[in-house]
Structure formats: structure tokens, C-alpha cells
Amino acid sequence: MHLRRLVAVFLCFIMFISFGGQVHAIPNSNLETFQRGKISPFMVYIVDAGATLSISSTGKAVIDSYLLGDSRAVTKIEIKTELQYYINGRWTTRNTWTSSSNNNYTTIDESTQLSKGYLYRALSTVTAYSGSASETQTVISREVRY
């Protein structure tokens, strides 16, 4: 009887430790992003970035990507966007476009005609500079089959 009670107390203790909640603080500078529902790793210079790919029924691909840097800190920004297709078990780059700016916002808006029978995506590597410091993030569009 005493052993059962000891085992029950021990199991309760283990459950208490295992399921104990953790409290996480949100830095004030990232609170607005959290409240908008965009939870992502905290970035110092990059405010927002994105990449989209749409393909029409005739195979015309439209690739849009953008980078918004923190206007209080950013001195230069760069985007490199690759249109990729999936072949032989890996993603292969078909086209590449770049854009840079000495302010805090830049975009890439391009289009190209595609070949049928592949899965496509846009991959953008964005970099924001603040003097000699920088940070880089990779954003990937949804995958689209054509």
C-alpha cells in the first residue's frame, strides 16, 4: 500500500515537471508583428519580406518579391530572387533577378514563360545592411505545378 502511494506521488511529480508551462516575453519592438499574427524569428533590420509566384493557364509566370527594412537603421537593401523548378529530386534555378536600393524598400516584379510538367517556386534571399552590419533571410513562395 505504501509503495503504491509512493509511486503515485512520484508519477504526479513527473507529470507536473513534464507539463509545466513556460512563459515567454515578447520584446516591445516585435509586439506589433506578433499582434498582426506574423510570428517569425526576431529580425533587427528586416521588417518584412515576401515572395509570390502565380502561373496562368497559358504558362505565364509572374514573380513578385519585396523587402522592407527598418527605416531608422537600414542603409542599403538587396533582393536576389530565383525561379526554381523541381527535377530529378532537387530544386534547380531557371531564372535569377536582383534588385538593390539605398533606402529601406525594394521589389522585384518579373514574368517569364514556363514549360509544362514541372513544380515551380520562387526563392528570395533578402539582405538588409546597416553600415557594415547586415542580416539575411530566405523567403519561399508556395509551390505551383504547371
Protein backbone atom coordinates (compact mmCIF):
# COMPACT_ATOMS: atom_id res chain seq x y z
CA MET A 1 0.00 0.00 0.00
CA HIS A 2 2.81 2.36 0.97
CA LEU A 3 4.66 1.52 -2.31
CA ARG A 4 1.57 2.35 -4.43
CA ARG A 5 1.21 5.73 -2.75
CA LEU A 6 4.91 6.48 -3.29
CA VAL A 7 4.67 5.51 -6.97
CA ALA A 8 1.54 7.67 -7.41
CA VAL A 9 3.25 10.68 -5.83
CA PHE A 10 6.33 10.11 -7.99
CA LEU A 11 4.22 9.91 -11.18
CA CYS A 12 2.36 13.08 -10.24
CA PHE A 13 5.68 14.83 -9.71
CA ILE A 14 6.95 13.68 -13.13
CA MET A 15 3.73 14.85 -14.81
CA PHE A 16 3.99 18.21 -13.05
CA ILE A 17 7.53 18.70 -14.32
CA SER A 18 6.76 17.44 -17.84
CA PHE A 19 3.65 19.52 -18.46
CA GLY A 20 4.68 22.69 -16.68
CA GLY A 21 4.02 25.75 -18.87
CA GLN A 22 6.68 28.18 -19.94
CA VAL A 23 6.22 31.93 -20.05
CA HIS A 24 7.75 33.79 -22.96
CA ALA A 25 8.12 37.54 -23.12
CA ILE A 26 7.67 39.43 -26.37
CA PRO A 27 10.07 42.33 -26.89
CA ASN A 28 8.22 45.64 -27.31
CA SER A 29 9.89 46.22 -30.68
CA ASN A 30 8.34 42.99 -32.02
CA LEU A 31 4.95 43.24 -30.30
CA GLU A 32 3.18 44.78 -33.29
CA THR A 33 4.38 41.97 -35.58
CA PHE A 34 3.18 39.40 -33.05
CA GLN A 35 -0.22 41.07 -32.75
CA ARG A 36 -0.68 41.00 -36.53
CA GLY A 37 -0.25 37.24 -36.41
CA LYS A 38 3.12 37.14 -38.15
CA ILE A 39 5.24 35.19 -35.72
CA SER A 40 8.76 34.79 -37.04
CA PRO A 41 12.33 34.93 -35.80
CA PHE A 42 13.16 38.37 -34.45
CA MET A 43 14.96 40.42 -37.06
CA VAL A 44 16.76 43.66 -36.31
CA TYR A 45 16.94 45.29 -39.74
CA ILE A 46 14.35 43.34 -41.80
CA VAL A 47 10.78 44.39 -41.06
CA ASP A 48 9.05 42.27 -43.71
CA ALA A 49 9.88 40.27 -46.82
CA GLY A 50 7.92 38.07 -49.17
CA ALA A 51 7.90 36.14 -52.42
CA THR A 52 4.93 35.12 -54.53
CA LEU A 53 4.57 33.09 -57.70
CA SER A 54 1.48 32.85 -59.87
CA ILE A 55 1.18 30.92 -63.12
CA SER A 56 -1.58 31.48 -65.67
CA SER A 57 -3.28 28.70 -67.61
CA THR A 58 -1.06 29.60 -70.60
CA GLY A 59 2.16 29.19 -68.59
CA LYS A 60 2.99 32.83 -67.93
CA ALA A 61 4.68 33.06 -64.54
CA VAL A 62 4.57 36.29 -62.52
CA ILE A 63 7.17 36.55 -59.77
CA ASP A 64 6.88 39.24 -57.11
CA SER A 65 9.20 39.71 -54.16
CA TYR A 66 9.79 42.57 -51.78
CA LEU A 67 11.92 43.65 -48.86
CA LEU A 68 11.06 46.26 -46.25
CA GLY A 69 13.86 47.31 -43.93
CA ASP A 70 13.75 49.32 -40.72
CA SER A 71 13.92 52.93 -41.92
CA ARG A 72 15.68 54.00 -38.71
CA ALA A 73 18.67 51.73 -39.28
CA VAL A 74 18.90 50.41 -42.84
CA THR A 75 21.40 51.98 -45.24
CA LYS A 76 21.05 49.51 -48.14
CA ILE A 77 18.91 46.51 -49.09
CA GLU A 78 19.23 43.74 -51.68
CA ILE A 79 16.98 41.02 -53.08
CA LYS A 80 18.01 38.04 -55.17
CA THR A 81 15.01 36.07 -56.46
CA GLU A 82 15.33 32.71 -58.16
CA LEU A 83 12.59 31.00 -60.14
CA GLN A 84 13.18 27.30 -59.48
CA TYR A 85 11.69 24.08 -60.79
CA TYR A 86 11.79 20.62 -59.25
CA ILE A 87 13.55 17.98 -61.35
CA ASN A 88 15.43 14.78 -60.51
CA GLY A 89 14.71 15.14 -56.79
CA ARG A 90 16.07 18.66 -56.34
CA TRP A 91 15.27 22.31 -56.95
CA THR A 92 17.08 23.80 -59.96
CA THR A 93 17.30 27.54 -60.72
CA ARG A 94 15.75 28.57 -64.03
CA ASN A 95 15.93 32.40 -63.79
CA THR A 96 17.53 34.87 -61.40
CA TRP A 97 16.72 38.54 -60.80
CA THR A 98 18.28 41.04 -58.42
CA SER A 99 17.33 44.42 -57.03
CA SER A 100 19.01 46.76 -54.57
CA SER A 101 18.27 50.13 -53.07
CA ASN A 102 19.91 52.69 -50.82
CA ASN A 103 16.66 53.20 -48.94
CA ASN A 104 14.50 50.76 -46.97
CA TYR A 105 12.24 49.24 -49.65
CA THR A 106 12.70 47.42 -52.93
CA THR A 107 10.77 44.98 -55.10
CA ILE A 108 11.20 42.57 -57.96
CA ASP A 109 8.30 42.17 -60.37
CA GLU A 110 9.12 39.88 -63.29
CA SER A 111 7.39 37.50 -65.66
CA THR A 112 8.50 34.64 -67.88
CA GLN A 113 7.01 31.84 -69.94
CA LEU A 114 7.26 28.35 -68.41
CA SER A 115 7.49 24.78 -69.69
CA LYS A 116 4.70 22.42 -68.71
CA GLY A 117 5.10 19.44 -66.43
CA TYR A 118 7.09 20.87 -63.51
CA LEU A 119 6.63 22.11 -59.97
CA TYR A 120 7.81 25.73 -59.61
CA ARG A 121 8.61 28.09 -56.74
CA ALA A 122 10.22 31.49 -56.17
CA LEU A 123 13.05 31.66 -53.63
CA SER A 124 14.18 35.09 -52.48
CA THR A 125 17.29 35.84 -50.48
CA VAL A 126 16.93 39.28 -48.90
CA THR A 127 19.64 41.24 -47.13
CA ALA A 128 19.39 44.48 -45.15
CA TYR A 129 22.51 46.44 -44.27
CA SER A 130 23.11 48.95 -41.52
CA GLY A 131 26.57 50.26 -42.24
CA SER A 132 28.86 47.22 -42.19
CA ALA A 133 26.35 45.07 -40.24
CA SER A 134 23.78 43.00 -42.13
CA GLU A 135 21.16 40.32 -41.78
CA THR A 136 19.83 37.91 -44.37
CA GLN A 137 16.59 35.97 -44.61
CA THR A 138 15.32 33.47 -47.18
CA VAL A 139 11.64 33.50 -48.15
CA ILE A 140 9.99 30.94 -50.41
CA SER A 141 6.72 31.23 -52.29
CA ARG A 142 4.13 28.49 -52.44
CA GLU A 143 4.87 25.71 -54.90
CA VAL A 144 2.84 25.78 -58.12
CA ARG A 145 2.52 22.94 -60.63
CA TYR A 146 2.22 23.77 -64.31
